[in-house]
Amino acid sequence: MITYIKNKGDTLFGIHMDVFGVQLPLSVLFLIGIVVVIILWKLIKFAIKILLVVVVFFLVLFGLDILGVFEYLQNILSTFF
């Protein structure tokens, strides 16, 4: 519910909202929204970086398997034991 404050000097825009029974200026809600968007963007960037590391790791393992490196190591280790 958006209501209008009679004294415009009370808030930046003169408008406030009732959020869970607490009256907050619209400018504060706008700033909270910006902070939440920035935090979510940083979290998404971190998740993308982790995903990239995991994908590169599995691509390297796949490449080593195609080249037969693991079979070669298995043959070397089986001769010692």
PDB file of N, CA and C in Angstrom:
ATOM      1  N   MET A   1       0.836  -1.174   0.000  1.00  0.00           N
ATOM      2  CA  MET A   1       0.000   0.000   0.000  1.00  0.00           C
ATOM      3  C   MET A   1       0.884   1.241   0.000  1.00  0.00           C
ATOM      4  N   ILE A   2       0.739   2.079  -0.974  1.00  0.00           N
ATOM      5  CA  ILE A   2       1.506   3.320  -1.069  1.00  0.00           C
ATOM      6  C   ILE A   2       0.629   4.457  -0.560  1.00  0.00           C
ATOM      7  N   THR A   3       1.179   5.197   0.382  1.00  0.00           N
ATOM      8  CA  THR A   3       0.446   6.352   0.905  1.00  0.00           C
ATOM      9  C   THR A   3       1.307   7.594   0.739  1.00  0.00           C
ATOM     10  N   TYR A   4       0.678   8.722   0.791  1.00  0.00           N
ATOM     11  CA  TYR A   4       1.369   9.988   0.593  1.00  0.00           C
ATOM     12  C   TYR A   4       1.552  10.672   1.937  1.00  0.00           C
ATOM     13  N   ILE A   5       2.780  11.161   2.196  1.00  0.00           N
ATOM     14  CA  ILE A   5       3.056  11.888   3.434  1.00  0.00           C
ATOM     15  C   ILE A   5       2.785  13.369   3.193  1.00  0.00           C
ATOM     16  N   LYS A   6       2.124  14.001   4.152  1.00  0.00           N
ATOM     17  CA  LYS A   6       1.761  15.405   3.970  1.00  0.00           C
ATOM     18  C   LYS A   6       2.979  16.321   3.990  1.00  0.00           C
ATOM     19  N   ASN A   7       3.984  16.023   4.850  1.00  0.00           N
ATOM     20  CA  ASN A   7       5.201  16.819   4.898  1.00  0.00           C
ATOM     21  C   ASN A   7       6.204  16.224   3.923  1.00  0.00           C
ATOM     22  N   LYS A   8       6.438  16.900   2.822  1.00  0.00           N
ATOM     23  CA  LYS A   8       7.315  16.345   1.794  1.00  0.00           C
ATOM     24  C   LYS A   8       8.770  16.282   2.241  1.00  0.00           C
ATOM     25  N   GLY A   9       9.139  16.991   3.266  1.00  0.00           N
ATOM     26  CA  GLY A   9      10.505  16.973   3.746  1.00  0.00           C
ATOM     27  C   GLY A   9      10.842  15.708   4.529  1.00  0.00           C
ATOM     28  N   ASP A  10       9.828  14.907   4.861  1.00  0.00           N
ATOM     29  CA  ASP A  10      10.069  13.704   5.659  1.00  0.00           C
ATOM     30  C   ASP A  10      10.887  12.664   4.902  1.00  0.00           C
ATOM     31  N   THR A  11      10.619  12.495   3.621  1.00  0.00           N
ATOM     32  CA  THR A  11      11.362  11.529   2.815  1.00  0.00           C
ATOM     33  C   THR A  11      11.814  12.193   1.531  1.00  0.00           C
ATOM     34  N   LEU A  12      12.618  11.452   0.759  1.00  0.00           N
ATOM     35  CA  LEU A  12      13.178  12.000  -0.466  1.00  0.00           C
ATOM     36  C   LEU A  12      12.098  12.326  -1.485  1.00  0.00           C
ATOM     37  N   PHE A  13      11.149  11.420  -1.673  1.00  0.00           N
ATOM     38  CA  PHE A  13      10.104  11.617  -2.667  1.00  0.00           C
ATOM     39  C   PHE A  13       8.759  11.964  -2.059  1.00  0.00           C
ATOM     40  N   GLY A  14       8.651  11.932  -0.733  1.00  0.00           N
ATOM     41  CA  GLY A  14       7.390  12.216  -0.087  1.00  0.00           C
ATOM     42  C   GLY A  14       6.437  11.038  -0.101  1.00  0.00           C
ATOM     43  N   ILE A  15       6.925   9.850  -0.468  1.00  0.00           N
ATOM     44  CA  ILE A  15       6.081   8.657  -0.538  1.00  0.00           C
ATOM     45  C   ILE A  15       6.700   7.580   0.342  1.00  0.00           C
ATOM     46  N   HIS A  16       5.870   6.830   1.053  1.00  0.00           N
ATOM     47  CA  HIS A  16       6.378   5.709   1.830  1.00  0.00           C
ATOM     48  C   HIS A  16       5.465   4.509   1.639  1.00  0.00           C
ATOM     49  N   MET A  17       5.971   3.328   1.974  1.00  0.00           N
ATOM     50  CA  MET A  17       5.197   2.103   1.837  1.00  0.00           C
ATOM     51  C   MET A  17       5.154   1.379   3.176  1.00  0.00           C
ATOM     52  N   ASP A  18       4.070   0.677   3.395  1.00  0.00           N
ATOM     53  CA  ASP A  18       3.952  -0.170   4.575  1.00  0.00           C
ATOM     54  C   ASP A  18       4.482  -1.552   4.218  1.00  0.00           C
ATOM     55  N   VAL A  19       5.584  -1.968   4.841  1.00  0.00           N
ATOM     56  CA  VAL A  19       6.178  -3.276   4.605  1.00  0.00           C
ATOM     57  C   VAL A  19       6.167  -4.023   5.927  1.00  0.00           C
ATOM     58  N   PHE A  20       5.348  -5.061   6.022  1.00  0.00           N
ATOM     59  CA  PHE A  20       5.202  -5.851   7.244  1.00  0.00           C
ATOM     60  C   PHE A  20       4.893  -4.967   8.450  1.00  0.00           C
ATOM     61  N   GLY A  21       4.078  -3.977   8.247  1.00  0.00           N
ATOM     62  CA  GLY A  21       3.660  -3.114   9.337  1.00  0.00           C
ATOM     63  C   GLY A  21       4.625  -1.982   9.648  1.00  0.00           C
ATOM     64  N   VAL A  22       5.728  -1.890   8.925  1.00  0.00           N
ATOM     65  CA  VAL A  22       6.718  -0.831   9.137  1.00  0.00           C
ATOM     66  C   VAL A  22       6.657   0.115   7.951  1.00  0.00           C
ATOM     67  N   GLN A  23       6.603   1.402   8.228  1.00  0.00           N
ATOM     68  CA  GLN A  23       6.556   2.376   7.144  1.00  0.00           C
ATOM     69  C   GLN A  23       7.974   2.736   6.718  1.00  0.00           C
ATOM     70  N   LEU A  24       8.308   2.432   5.463  1.00  0.00           N
ATOM     71  CA  LEU A  24       9.630   2.731   4.916  1.00  0.00           C
ATOM     72  C   LEU A  24       9.483   3.696   3.752  1.00  0.00           C
ATOM     73  N   PRO A  25      10.403   4.659   3.660  1.00  0.00           N
ATOM     74  CA  PRO A  25      10.383   5.552   2.499  1.00  0.00           C
ATOM     75  C   PRO A  25      10.663   4.760   1.219  1.00  0.00           C
ATOM     76  N   LEU A  26      10.083   5.201   0.125  1.00  0.00           N
ATOM     77  CA  LEU A  26      10.260   4.525  -1.156  1.00  0.00           C
ATOM     78  C   LEU A  26      11.720   4.544  -1.589  1.00  0.00           C
ATOM     79  N   SER A  27      12.450   5.594  -1.236  1.00  0.00           N
ATOM     80  CA  SER A  27      13.867   5.671  -1.602  1.00  0.00           C
ATOM     81  C   SER A  27      14.677   4.583  -0.893  1.00  0.00           C
ATOM     82  N   VAL A  28      14.330   4.250   0.354  1.00  0.00           N
ATOM     83  CA  VAL A  28      15.028   3.189   1.093  1.00  0.00           C
ATOM     84  C   VAL A  28      14.745   1.837   0.450  1.00  0.00           C
ATOM     85  N   LEU A  29      13.506   1.598   0.055  1.00  0.00           N
ATOM     86  CA  LEU A  29      13.169   0.345  -0.618  1.00  0.00           C
ATOM     87  C   LEU A  29      13.913   0.229  -1.942  1.00  0.00           C
ATOM     88  N   PHE A  30      14.057   1.336  -2.645  1.00  0.00           N
ATOM     89  CA  PHE A  30      14.792   1.353  -3.909  1.00  0.00           C
ATOM     90  C   PHE A  30      16.263   1.010  -3.673  1.00  0.00           C
ATOM     91  N   LEU A  31      16.873   1.568  -2.652  1.00  0.00           N
ATOM     92  CA  LEU A  31      18.272   1.275  -2.333  1.00  0.00           C
ATOM     93  C   LEU A  31      18.453  -0.174  -1.889  1.00  0.00           C
ATOM     94  N   ILE A  32      17.514  -0.695  -1.116  1.00  0.00           N
ATOM     95  CA  ILE A  32      17.577  -2.098  -0.710  1.00  0.00           C
ATOM     96  C   ILE A  32      17.502  -2.996  -1.947  1.00  0.00           C
ATOM     97  N   GLY A  33      16.652  -2.651  -2.884  1.00  0.00           N
ATOM     98  CA  GLY A  33      16.541  -3.415  -4.126  1.00  0.00           C
ATOM     99  C   GLY A  33      17.834  -3.408  -4.918  1.00  0.00           C
ATOM    100  N   ILE A  34      18.505  -2.263  -4.992  1.00  0.00           N
ATOM    101  CA  ILE A  34      19.785  -2.173  -5.706  1.00  0.00           C
ATOM    102  C   ILE A  34      20.833  -3.042  -5.026  1.00  0.00           C
ATOM    103  N   VAL A  35      20.898  -3.014  -3.708  1.00  0.00           N
ATOM    104  CA  VAL A  35      21.880  -3.830  -2.975  1.00  0.00           C
ATOM    105  C   VAL A  35      21.614  -5.314  -3.202  1.00  0.00           C
ATOM    106  N   VAL A  36      20.355  -5.719  -3.184  1.00  0.00           N
ATOM    107  CA  VAL A  36      20.015  -7.125  -3.411  1.00  0.00           C
ATOM    108  C   VAL A  36      20.414  -7.556  -4.823  1.00  0.00           C
ATOM    109  N   VAL A  37      20.163  -6.705  -5.804  1.00  0.00           N
ATOM    110  CA  VAL A  37      20.538  -7.033  -7.190  1.00  0.00           C
ATOM    111  C   VAL A  37      22.047  -7.157  -7.320  1.00  0.00           C
ATOM    112  N   ILE A  38      22.812  -6.281  -6.680  1.00  0.00           N
ATOM    113  CA  ILE A  38      24.282  -6.349  -6.751  1.00  0.00           C
ATOM    114  C   ILE A  38      24.787  -7.632  -6.100  1.00  0.00           C
ATOM    115  N   ILE A  39      24.239  -7.992  -4.952  1.00  0.00           N
ATOM    116  CA  ILE A  39      24.667  -9.219  -4.264  1.00  0.00           C
ATOM    117  C   ILE A  39      24.333 -10.448  -5.107  1.00  0.00           C
ATOM    118  N   LEU A  40      23.132 -10.480  -5.692  1.00  0.00           N
ATOM    119  CA  LEU A  40      22.761 -11.608  -6.541  1.00  0.00           C
ATOM    120  C   LEU A  40      23.663 -11.701  -7.765  1.00  0.00           C
ATOM    121  N   TRP A  41      24.027 -10.572  -8.367  1.00  0.00           N
ATOM    122  CA  TRP A  41      24.900 -10.570  -9.538  1.00  0.00           C
ATOM    123  C   TRP A  41      26.277 -11.123  -9.171  1.00  0.00           C
ATOM    124  N   LYS A  42      26.808 -10.737  -8.015  1.00  0.00           N
ATOM    125  CA  LYS A  42      28.109 -11.259  -7.589  1.00  0.00           C
ATOM    126  C   LYS A  42      28.026 -12.759  -7.320  1.00  0.00           C
ATOM    127  N   LEU A  43      26.933 -13.217  -6.759  1.00  0.00           N
ATOM    128  CA  LEU A  43      26.752 -14.650  -6.512  1.00  0.00           C
ATOM    129  C   LEU A  43      26.677 -15.423  -7.826  1.00  0.00           C
ATOM    130  N   ILE A  44      25.971 -14.886  -8.801  1.00  0.00           N
ATOM    131  CA  ILE A  44      25.872 -15.536 -10.111  1.00  0.00           C
ATOM    132  C   ILE A  44      27.231 -15.565 -10.795  1.00  0.00           C
ATOM    133  N   LYS A  45      27.996 -14.473 -10.710  1.00  0.00           N
ATOM    134  CA  LYS A  45      29.335 -14.460 -11.306  1.00  0.00           C
ATOM    135  C   LYS A  45      30.234 -15.503 -10.664  1.00  0.00           C
ATOM    136  N   PHE A  46      30.158 -15.662  -9.348  1.00  0.00           N
ATOM    137  CA  PHE A  46      30.956 -16.666  -8.645  1.00  0.00           C
ATOM    138  C   PHE A  46      30.556 -18.071  -9.091  1.00  0.00           C
ATOM    139  N   ALA A  47      29.261 -18.324  -9.218  1.00  0.00           N
ATOM    140  CA  ALA A  47      28.795 -19.643  -9.648  1.00  0.00           C
ATOM    141  C   ALA A  47      29.255 -19.944 -11.066  1.00  0.00           C
ATOM    142  N   ILE A  48      29.260 -18.942 -11.936  1.00  0.00           N
ATOM    143  CA  ILE A  48      29.727 -19.149 -13.309  1.00  0.00           C
ATOM    144  C   ILE A  48      31.214 -19.470 -13.320  1.00  0.00           C
ATOM    145  N   LYS A  49      31.999 -18.804 -12.482  1.00  0.00           N
ATOM    146  CA  LYS A  49      33.439 -19.088 -12.419  1.00  0.00           C
ATOM    147  C   LYS A  49      33.693 -20.509 -11.933  1.00  0.00           C
ATOM    148  N   ILE A  50      32.960 -20.940 -10.910  1.00  0.00           N
ATOM    149  CA  ILE A  50      33.109 -22.308 -10.400  1.00  0.00           C
ATOM    150  C   ILE A  50      32.713 -23.312 -11.484  1.00  0.00           C
ATOM    151  N   LEU A  51      31.634 -23.047 -12.194  1.00  0.00           N
ATOM    152  CA  LEU A  51      31.199 -23.930 -13.274  1.00  0.00           C
ATOM    153  C   LEU A  51      32.261 -24.023 -14.361  1.00  0.00           C
ATOM    154  N   LEU A  52      32.875 -22.901 -14.701  1.00  0.00           N
ATOM    155  CA  LEU A  52      33.934 -22.900 -15.713  1.00  0.00           C
ATOM    156  C   LEU A  52      35.123 -23.742 -15.269  1.00  0.00           C
ATOM    157  N   VAL A  53      35.522 -23.637 -14.013  1.00  0.00           N
ATOM    158  CA  VAL A  53      36.641 -24.425 -13.491  1.00  0.00           C
ATOM    159  C   VAL A  53      36.314 -25.911 -13.558  1.00  0.00           C
ATOM    160  N   VAL A  54      35.109 -26.280 -13.182  1.00  0.00           N
ATOM    161  CA  VAL A  54      34.706 -27.690 -13.206  1.00  0.00           C
ATOM    162  C   VAL A  54      34.679 -28.214 -14.646  1.00  0.00           C
ATOM    163  N   VAL A  55      34.158 -27.428 -15.572  1.00  0.00           N
ATOM    164  CA  VAL A  55      34.095 -27.850 -16.977  1.00  0.00           C
ATOM    165  C   VAL A  55      35.495 -28.026 -17.545  1.00  0.00           C
ATOM    166  N   VAL A  56      36.399 -27.094 -17.266  1.00  0.00           N
ATOM    167  CA  VAL A  56      37.776 -27.205 -17.768  1.00  0.00           C
ATOM    168  C   VAL A  56      38.454 -28.432 -17.160  1.00  0.00           C
ATOM    169  N   PHE A  57      38.237 -28.699 -15.881  1.00  0.00           N
ATOM    170  CA  PHE A  57      38.821 -29.869 -15.225  1.00  0.00           C
ATOM    171  C   PHE A  57      38.369 -31.160 -15.913  1.00  0.00           C
ATOM    172  N   PHE A  58      37.068 -31.273 -16.181  1.00  0.00           N
ATOM    173  CA  PHE A  58      36.565 -32.485 -16.824  1.00  0.00           C
ATOM    174  C   PHE A  58      37.012 -32.588 -18.278  1.00  0.00           C
ATOM    175  N   LEU A  59      37.155 -31.467 -18.959  1.00  0.00           N
ATOM    176  CA  LEU A  59      37.679 -31.504 -20.328  1.00  0.00           C
ATOM    177  C   LEU A  59      39.125 -31.989 -20.350  1.00  0.00           C
ATOM    178  N   VAL A  60      39.930 -31.560 -19.378  1.00  0.00           N
ATOM    179  CA  VAL A  60      41.316 -32.034 -19.290  1.00  0.00           C
ATOM    180  C   VAL A  60      41.334 -33.530 -19.008  1.00  0.00           C
ATOM    181  N   LEU A  61      40.498 -33.996 -18.083  1.00  0.00           N
ATOM    182  CA  LEU A  61      40.419 -35.439 -17.809  1.00  0.00           C
ATOM    183  C   LEU A  61      39.985 -36.215 -19.047  1.00  0.00           C
ATOM    184  N   PHE A  62      39.026 -35.700 -19.770  1.00  0.00           N
ATOM    185  CA  PHE A  62      38.543 -36.347 -20.985  1.00  0.00           C
ATOM    186  C   PHE A  62      39.662 -36.418 -22.030  1.00  0.00           C
ATOM    187  N   GLY A  63      40.398 -35.320 -22.180  1.00  0.00           N
ATOM    188  CA  GLY A  63      41.510 -35.299 -23.133  1.00  0.00           C
ATOM    189  C   GLY A  63      42.608 -36.281 -22.756  1.00  0.00           C
ATOM    190  N   LEU A  64      42.937 -36.342 -21.466  1.00  0.00           N
ATOM    191  CA  LEU A  64      43.957 -37.296 -21.025  1.00  0.00           C
ATOM    192  C   LEU A  64      43.503 -38.739 -21.233  1.00  0.00           C
ATOM    193  N   ASP A  65      42.209 -38.990 -21.069  1.00  0.00           N
ATOM    194  CA  ASP A  65      41.692 -40.341 -21.295  1.00  0.00           C
ATOM    195  C   ASP A  65      41.772 -40.707 -22.773  1.00  0.00           C
ATOM    196  N   ILE A  66      41.460 -39.757 -23.654  1.00  0.00           N
ATOM    197  CA  ILE A  66      41.541 -40.018 -25.088  1.00  0.00           C
ATOM    198  C   ILE A  66      42.987 -40.310 -25.501  1.00  0.00           C
ATOM    199  N   LEU A  67      43.929 -39.596 -24.915  1.00  0.00           N
ATOM    200  CA  LEU A  67      45.341 -39.800 -25.251  1.00  0.00           C
ATOM    201  C   LEU A  67      45.908 -41.078 -24.646  1.00  0.00           C
ATOM    202  N   GLY A  68      45.178 -41.723 -23.753  1.00  0.00           N
ATOM    203  CA  GLY A  68      45.612 -42.979 -23.171  1.00  0.00           C
ATOM    204  C   GLY A  68      46.586 -42.824 -22.019  1.00  0.00           C
ATOM    205  N   VAL A  69      46.631 -41.678 -21.406  1.00  0.00           N
ATOM    206  CA  VAL A  69      47.560 -41.420 -20.308  1.00  0.00           C
ATOM    207  C   VAL A  69      47.246 -42.316 -19.110  1.00  0.00           C
ATOM    208  N   PHE A  70      45.970 -42.519 -18.810  1.00  0.00           N
ATOM    209  CA  PHE A  70      45.605 -43.310 -17.642  1.00  0.00           C
ATOM    210  C   PHE A  70      45.929 -44.790 -17.845  1.00  0.00           C
ATOM    211  N   GLU A  71      45.744 -45.290 -19.061  1.00  0.00           N
ATOM    212  CA  GLU A  71      46.123 -46.678 -19.342  1.00  0.00           C
ATOM    213  C   GLU A  71      47.635 -46.851 -19.212  1.00  0.00           C
ATOM    214  N   TYR A  72      48.370 -45.866 -19.696  1.00  0.00           N
ATOM    215  CA  TYR A  72      49.835 -45.914 -19.595  1.00  0.00           C
ATOM    216  C   TYR A  72      50.274 -45.925 -18.129  1.00  0.00           C
ATOM    217  N   LEU A  73      49.681 -45.062 -17.316  1.00  0.00           N
ATOM    218  CA  LEU A  73      50.009 -45.030 -15.882  1.00  0.00           C
ATOM    219  C   LEU A  73      49.593 -46.328 -15.188  1.00  0.00           C
ATOM    220  N   GLN A  74      48.462 -46.875 -15.587  1.00  0.00           N
ATOM    221  CA  GLN A  74      48.002 -48.136 -14.988  1.00  0.00           C
ATOM    222  C   GLN A  74      48.971 -49.274 -15.327  1.00  0.00           C
ATOM    223  N   ASN A  75      49.470 -49.291 -16.558  1.00  0.00           N
ATOM    224  CA  ASN A  75      50.432 -50.322 -16.953  1.00  0.00           C
ATOM    225  C   ASN A  75      51.750 -50.173 -16.190  1.00  0.00           C
ATOM    226  N   ILE A  76      52.198 -48.946 -16.003  1.00  0.00           N
ATOM    227  CA  ILE A  76      53.441 -48.712 -15.275  1.00  0.00           C
ATOM    228  C   ILE A  76      53.279 -49.138 -13.818  1.00  0.00           C
ATOM    229  N   LEU A  77      52.181 -48.754 -13.197  1.00  0.00           N
ATOM    230  CA  LEU A  77      51.960 -49.102 -11.800  1.00  0.00           C
ATOM    231  C   LEU A  77      51.745 -50.603 -11.602  1.00  0.00           C
ATOM    232  N   SER A  78      51.130 -51.266 -12.576  1.00  0.00           N
ATOM    233  CA  SER A  78      50.913 -52.708 -12.413  1.00  0.00           C
ATOM    234  C   SER A  78      52.215 -53.507 -12.517  1.00  0.00           C
ATOM    235  N   THR A  79      53.231 -52.974 -13.194  1.00  0.00           N
ATOM    236  CA  THR A  79      54.509 -53.686 -13.271  1.00  0.00           C
ATOM    237  C   THR A  79      55.254 -53.600 -11.938  1.00  0.00           C
ATOM    238  N   PHE A  80      55.029 -52.574 -11.156  1.00  0.00           N
ATOM    239  CA  PHE A  80      55.723 -52.437  -9.870  1.00  0.00           C
ATOM    240  C   PHE A  80      55.086 -53.292  -8.781  1.00  0.00           C
ATOM    241  N   PHE A  81      53.792 -53.531  -8.903  1.00  0.00           N
ATOM    242  CA  PHE A  81      53.100 -54.279  -7.856  1.00  0.00           C
ATOM    243  C   PHE A  81      52.746 -55.617  -8.400  1.00  0.00           C
TER     244      PHE A  81
END
